[in-house]
């Protein structure tokens, strides 16, 4: 196993975190803009509260 410097690990972790954040934003944006525009509040409700009655429509 190759040992990496602490600074390289920090850069890797920061890049991975930024990439995951961009991916989450792209998914939320795709849901919001899709074939029929959906308000951001409804997108978040559908993602984090799947038992909501309108979640099946998103």
Protein backbone atom coordinates (compact mmCIF):
# COMPACT_ATOMS: atom_id res chain seq x y z
CA UNK A 1 0.00 0.00 0.00
CA UNK A 2 1.33 3.42 -0.93
CA UNK A 3 1.41 5.97 1.85
CA UNK A 4 0.07 9.39 0.92
CA UNK A 5 0.87 12.72 2.44
CA UNK A 6 -1.75 14.29 4.72
CA UNK A 7 -2.21 17.22 2.32
CA UNK A 8 -2.97 14.82 -0.53
CA UNK A 9 -5.58 13.04 1.59
CA UNK A 10 -7.21 16.35 2.47
CA UNK A 11 -7.34 17.36 -1.21
CA UNK A 12 -8.78 13.97 -2.14
CA UNK A 13 -11.45 14.19 0.58
CA UNK A 14 -12.32 17.76 -0.42
CA UNK A 15 -12.59 16.79 -4.08
CA UNK A 16 -14.74 13.77 -3.27
CA UNK A 17 -17.03 15.88 -1.07
CA UNK A 18 -17.34 18.57 -3.74
CA UNK A 19 -18.11 15.95 -6.39
CA UNK A 20 -20.83 14.35 -4.28
CA UNK A 21 -22.34 17.76 -3.57
CA UNK A 22 -22.40 18.59 -7.29
CA UNK A 23 -24.00 15.22 -8.00
CA UNK A 24 -26.71 15.86 -5.41
CA UNK A 25 -27.37 19.31 -6.88
CA UNK A 26 -27.57 17.84 -10.39
CA UNK A 27 -30.09 15.22 -9.26
CA UNK A 28 -32.22 17.81 -7.46
CA UNK A 29 -31.99 20.15 -10.45
CA UNK A 30 -32.98 17.39 -12.84
CA UNK A 31 -36.02 16.59 -10.73
CA UNK A 32 -36.95 20.26 -10.45
CA UNK A 33 -36.58 21.08 -14.15
CA UNK A 34 -37.65 17.73 -15.74
CA UNK A 35 -40.60 17.47 -18.14
CA UNK A 36 -42.79 19.50 -15.83
CA UNK A 37 -41.25 22.13 -13.51
CA UNK A 38 -41.60 21.31 -9.81
CA UNK A 39 -40.96 23.82 -7.01
CA UNK A 40 -37.78 23.09 -5.00
CA UNK A 41 -39.78 22.61 -1.79
CA UNK A 42 -41.74 19.76 -3.40
CA UNK A 43 -38.55 18.15 -4.71
CA UNK A 44 -37.02 18.19 -1.23
CA UNK A 45 -40.23 16.87 0.31
CA UNK A 46 -40.31 14.01 -2.20
CA UNK A 47 -36.66 13.13 -1.57
CA UNK A 48 -36.76 13.25 2.22
CA UNK A 49 -40.39 12.30 2.96
CA UNK A 50 -41.33 9.41 0.67
CA UNK A 51 -44.60 8.85 2.57
CA UNK A 52 -45.95 12.22 1.43
CA UNK A 53 -48.96 11.82 -0.91
CA UNK A 54 -47.42 13.93 -3.69
CA UNK A 55 -44.12 12.00 -3.69
CA UNK A 56 -45.52 9.38 -6.06
CA UNK A 57 -46.21 12.09 -8.64
CA UNK A 58 -42.65 13.39 -8.77
